[in-house]
Amino acid sequence: MTDTSALSLTDDARSAALQKYVYGQAIDVLLTLVPVFSSPFGNDITRAMVFFAAARGSVGHLNHHNRVRPDADGGVFPDALRRPVSILSLSDYLGLPYETTRRHMHALVADGWCERVGARGFLVRSATMQKPSMSDMAATSSSVMAEYVTRLAPVIGDMPKGAGRDGSRAGRTV
């Protein structure tokens, strides 16, 4: 149900219906992409979340512009611009227990997905983000997201301002 304009709903009811539709589509995106993103990590969803939080956290200070930045070579920031992340910051960000996050980070280091930097830092290098498995995930997720964006564009345009349209986490670069 994407066309709520034909329904005789109040503005509040129409807004709620649109939000629930978008919510359902977001769940579909999540369920479609979780297997894609967890595959390189033995289908361990938690390990994948810790990895991607570390990868994104190391470039979070660079992602304010909602566009691809020229200093991101092929969409990937060079190591010189990346910052190490701590287990505590990842644990807090993900809402996972510290020990769970620590175990996953150490396994990621052992498997060569990231490396330890200094006493408390961990870094996902740009070479890791340019691996064929990462490029495959980028292609698949781009295709999936393009499909959903096309499907949602008319619905989002009908949503009132302030109904979850801030885009604060959109347009990030790895």
Foldseek 3Di string as FASTA:
>chain_A
DQPCVPPPDDLVVLLVVLLVVVVVLVVVLCVVQLCLQCVVVVSPSVLSLLLVCQACVQCVVVFDDLAQDPCAVVLHHAPVSGDFDFLVVSCVVVVHDSVVSVVSQVVCCVVPQWHADPDGTIHGGSVSCVDPSNVVSVVVSVVSVVVSCVVCVVSVVPHDPPSPPPCRPHRGTD
